[in-house]
């Protein structure tokens, strides 16, 4: 009878994985990626560290699997619509990036981890992201936009991740009005870029 009760109480593989990823997300938000440990993660998740080691050889492999499965959000954001003009595509892509990243605290933490730690995983994830977006980069290369685009995307990353610290150039990007200013500014910059290209 005791064994039957134990078997009944055992969690499925999916339940264990869901619990693991949920706990990992919570710890990433509260502590940052660099402060995660297998022991601490297992303790908060409510199971033995061996449960994690049965699935991943070490913390690096666990984090890499997590980041890679989470990083797919960019693939949904960065898609070209063939019926739209390059200008319309670019505005939509950058505005989608703002909207998606603005409340995505996990992705913000991952980006901060990449900036702060030249780790084997962060280097590989950054390279994979470049490879995943190669088609998009190639598409905009014909308009000489890649340099400007890199600066704009980096600016979006920074303003979103900085917004809870203070205003920036007296704009509160942590407010709905500040977010709207960010979107309108990006749209105006894209319009100005294509207008300048058309005049040459």
Protein backbone atom coordinates (compact mmCIF):
# COMPACT_ATOMS: atom_id res chain seq x y z
CA UNK A 1 0.00 0.00 0.00
CA UNK A 2 2.80 2.40 0.89
CA UNK A 3 4.50 1.72 -2.46
CA UNK A 4 1.22 2.33 -4.28
CA UNK A 5 0.86 5.69 -2.55
CA UNK A 6 4.43 6.61 -3.47
CA UNK A 7 3.79 5.69 -7.08
CA UNK A 8 0.60 7.73 -7.08
CA UNK A 9 2.45 10.72 -5.69
CA UNK A 10 5.28 10.61 -8.23
CA UNK A 11 5.31 13.43 -10.73
CA UNK A 12 5.46 12.80 -14.47
CA UNK A 13 8.47 13.80 -16.56
CA UNK A 14 6.50 16.74 -18.00
CA UNK A 15 5.44 17.90 -14.53
CA UNK A 16 9.07 17.79 -13.37
CA UNK A 17 10.27 19.72 -16.43
CA UNK A 18 7.51 22.32 -16.09
CA UNK A 19 8.41 22.75 -12.40
CA UNK A 20 12.11 23.03 -13.29
CA UNK A 21 11.59 25.71 -15.99
CA UNK A 22 9.12 27.67 -13.82
CA UNK A 23 11.55 27.68 -10.89
CA UNK A 24 14.47 28.60 -13.16
CA UNK A 25 12.52 31.55 -14.59
CA UNK A 26 11.67 32.74 -11.08
CA UNK A 27 15.30 32.54 -9.98
CA UNK A 28 16.58 34.28 -13.13
CA UNK A 29 14.23 37.21 -12.46
CA UNK A 30 15.08 37.36 -8.73
CA UNK A 31 18.81 36.58 -8.82
CA UNK A 32 20.10 36.92 -12.38
CA UNK A 33 21.55 34.05 -14.41
CA UNK A 34 25.01 34.17 -12.82
CA UNK A 35 23.65 33.33 -9.36
CA UNK A 36 21.82 30.12 -10.31
CA UNK A 37 23.06 26.84 -8.85
CA UNK A 38 21.83 23.27 -9.38
CA UNK A 39 21.47 22.77 -5.62
CA UNK A 40 19.50 25.99 -5.09
CA UNK A 41 17.34 25.34 -8.12
CA UNK A 42 16.50 21.78 -7.05
CA UNK A 43 15.77 22.84 -3.47
CA UNK A 44 13.29 25.52 -4.52
CA UNK A 45 11.72 23.24 -7.14
CA UNK A 46 11.15 20.62 -4.44
CA UNK A 47 13.24 17.73 -5.70
CA UNK A 48 16.74 16.30 -5.39
CA UNK A 49 19.62 17.67 -7.53
CA UNK A 50 19.90 14.18 -9.03
CA UNK A 51 16.60 14.80 -10.86
CA UNK A 52 18.33 17.63 -12.77
CA UNK A 53 21.58 15.72 -13.29
CA UNK A 54 19.60 12.84 -14.81
CA UNK A 55 18.55 15.24 -17.57
CA UNK A 56 21.52 17.60 -17.91
CA UNK A 57 25.21 16.90 -17.35
CA UNK A 58 25.77 20.25 -15.63
CA UNK A 59 24.40 23.76 -15.07
CA UNK A 60 25.85 25.01 -18.37
CA UNK A 61 23.89 22.44 -20.37
CA UNK A 62 20.70 23.21 -18.45
CA UNK A 63 21.05 26.97 -19.05
CA UNK A 64 21.91 26.51 -22.71
CA UNK A 65 18.82 24.35 -23.25
CA UNK A 66 16.67 26.89 -21.46
CA UNK A 67 18.02 29.93 -23.31
CA UNK A 68 17.78 28.23 -26.70
CA UNK A 69 14.16 27.23 -26.18
CA UNK A 70 13.32 30.71 -24.86
CA UNK A 71 15.24 32.62 -27.53
CA UNK A 72 12.83 31.45 -30.24
CA UNK A 73 10.65 34.49 -29.46
CA UNK A 74 12.81 36.47 -31.90
CA UNK A 75 11.89 34.15 -34.75
CA UNK A 76 8.24 35.08 -34.30
CA UNK A 77 9.06 38.80 -34.15
CA UNK A 78 11.53 39.00 -37.04
CA UNK A 79 9.53 37.83 -40.06
CA UNK A 80 9.34 39.54 -43.44
CA UNK A 81 5.90 40.02 -45.00
CA UNK A 82 6.20 39.86 -48.77
CA UNK A 83 3.16 42.08 -49.38
CA UNK A 84 4.63 44.93 -47.29
CA UNK A 85 7.24 47.43 -48.51
CA UNK A 86 10.73 47.27 -46.92
CA UNK A 87 9.85 50.44 -45.03
CA UNK A 88 6.61 48.95 -43.66
CA UNK A 89 8.37 45.70 -42.79
CA UNK A 90 11.10 47.48 -40.91
CA UNK A 91 8.72 49.64 -38.88
CA UNK A 92 6.60 46.64 -37.98
CA UNK A 93 9.64 44.56 -36.99
CA UNK A 94 11.12 47.25 -34.74
CA UNK A 95 7.78 48.10 -33.13
CA UNK A 96 7.16 44.37 -32.55
CA UNK A 97 10.59 44.13 -30.92
CA UNK A 98 9.71 46.99 -28.55
CA UNK A 99 6.33 45.48 -27.66
CA UNK A 100 7.69 41.96 -27.19
CA UNK A 101 10.81 42.88 -25.20
CA UNK A 102 9.18 45.60 -23.07
CA UNK A 103 7.48 43.17 -20.66
CA UNK A 104 9.68 40.14 -21.33
CA UNK A 105 11.79 40.22 -18.17
CA UNK A 106 13.37 36.83 -18.83
CA UNK A 107 14.70 37.88 -22.24
CA UNK A 108 15.96 41.13 -20.72
CA UNK A 109 17.87 39.11 -18.11
CA UNK A 110 19.31 36.86 -20.82
CA UNK A 111 20.50 39.91 -22.81
CA UNK A 112 22.07 41.37 -19.65
CA UNK A 113 23.80 38.06 -19.00
CA UNK A 114 25.23 38.13 -22.54
CA UNK A 115 26.55 41.66 -21.99
CA UNK A 116 28.04 40.96 -18.57
CA UNK A 117 29.52 37.52 -19.05
CA UNK A 118 31.58 36.36 -22.03
CA UNK A 119 30.66 32.78 -21.25
CA UNK A 120 30.78 29.86 -23.68
CA UNK A 121 26.97 29.74 -23.64
CA UNK A 122 26.43 33.47 -24.15
CA UNK A 123 28.83 33.53 -27.10
CA UNK A 124 27.17 30.54 -28.70
CA UNK A 125 23.62 31.85 -28.16
CA UNK A 126 24.57 35.24 -29.65
CA UNK A 127 26.05 33.49 -32.71
CA UNK A 128 22.98 31.28 -33.10
CA UNK A 129 20.76 34.37 -32.98
CA UNK A 130 22.82 35.91 -35.80
CA UNK A 131 22.51 32.72 -37.85
CA UNK A 132 18.77 32.50 -37.20
CA UNK A 133 18.35 36.07 -38.44
CA UNK A 134 20.71 35.74 -41.43
CA UNK A 135 17.85 35.93 -43.95
CA UNK A 136 16.51 39.09 -42.34
CA UNK A 137 19.98 40.67 -42.23
CA UNK A 138 20.52 39.79 -45.88
CA UNK A 139 17.15 41.30 -46.83
CA UNK A 140 17.96 44.70 -45.31
CA UNK A 141 21.59 44.68 -46.46
CA UNK A 142 20.45 45.69 -49.94
CA UNK A 143 19.12 48.94 -48.43
CA UNK A 144 22.37 49.61 -46.49
CA UNK A 145 20.34 49.49 -43.30
CA UNK A 146 22.35 47.00 -41.23
CA UNK A 147 24.61 49.54 -39.51
CA UNK A 148 21.72 51.87 -38.71
CA UNK A 149 19.57 48.89 -37.73
CA UNK A 150 22.20 47.61 -35.32
CA UNK A 151 22.32 51.00 -33.59
CA UNK A 152 18.52 51.19 -33.40
CA UNK A 153 18.10 47.67 -32.01
CA UNK A 154 20.89 48.25 -29.48
CA UNK A 155 19.17 51.50 -28.47
CA UNK A 156 15.85 49.69 -28.01
CA UNK A 157 17.54 47.04 -25.87
CA UNK A 158 19.23 49.65 -23.70
CA UNK A 159 16.26 51.96 -23.18
CA UNK A 160 13.98 49.06 -22.26
CA UNK A 161 16.48 47.53 -19.82
CA UNK A 162 17.37 50.95 -18.34
CA UNK A 163 13.81 52.23 -17.99
CA UNK A 164 13.31 51.13 -14.35
CA UNK A 165 16.51 52.85 -13.22
CA UNK A 166 15.79 56.46 -14.24
CA UNK A 167 14.56 58.69 -17.01
CA UNK A 168 16.74 59.03 -20.11
CA UNK A 169 17.06 62.45 -21.73
CA UNK A 170 14.20 63.44 -19.40
CA UNK A 171 11.87 60.81 -20.92
CA UNK A 172 10.30 58.23 -18.62
CA UNK A 173 10.42 55.12 -20.79
CA UNK A 174 8.85 53.15 -17.94
CA UNK A 175 5.54 54.94 -18.54
CA UNK A 176 2.98 54.27 -21.32
CA UNK A 177 3.75 57.75 -22.71
CA UNK A 178 7.48 56.97 -22.77
CA UNK A 179 6.90 53.68 -24.55
CA UNK A 180 4.76 55.47 -27.14
CA UNK A 181 7.55 58.04 -27.66
CA UNK A 182 9.99 55.16 -28.24
CA UNK A 183 7.69 53.63 -30.86
CA UNK A 184 7.01 56.93 -32.64
CA UNK A 185 10.71 57.82 -32.65
CA UNK A 186 11.63 54.46 -34.20
CA UNK A 187 8.94 54.86 -36.87
CA UNK A 188 10.14 58.41 -37.65
CA UNK A 189 13.76 57.23 -37.89
CA UNK A 190 12.81 54.50 -40.37
CA UNK A 191 10.78 57.00 -42.45
CA UNK A 192 13.71 59.45 -42.42
CA UNK A 193 16.15 56.73 -43.45
CA UNK A 194 14.10 55.66 -46.47
CA UNK A 195 13.35 59.29 -47.41
CA UNK A 196 17.10 60.01 -47.41
CA UNK A 197 17.75 56.92 -49.55
CA UNK A 198 15.08 57.98 -52.04
CA UNK A 199 16.54 61.48 -52.41
CA UNK A 200 19.97 60.18 -53.49
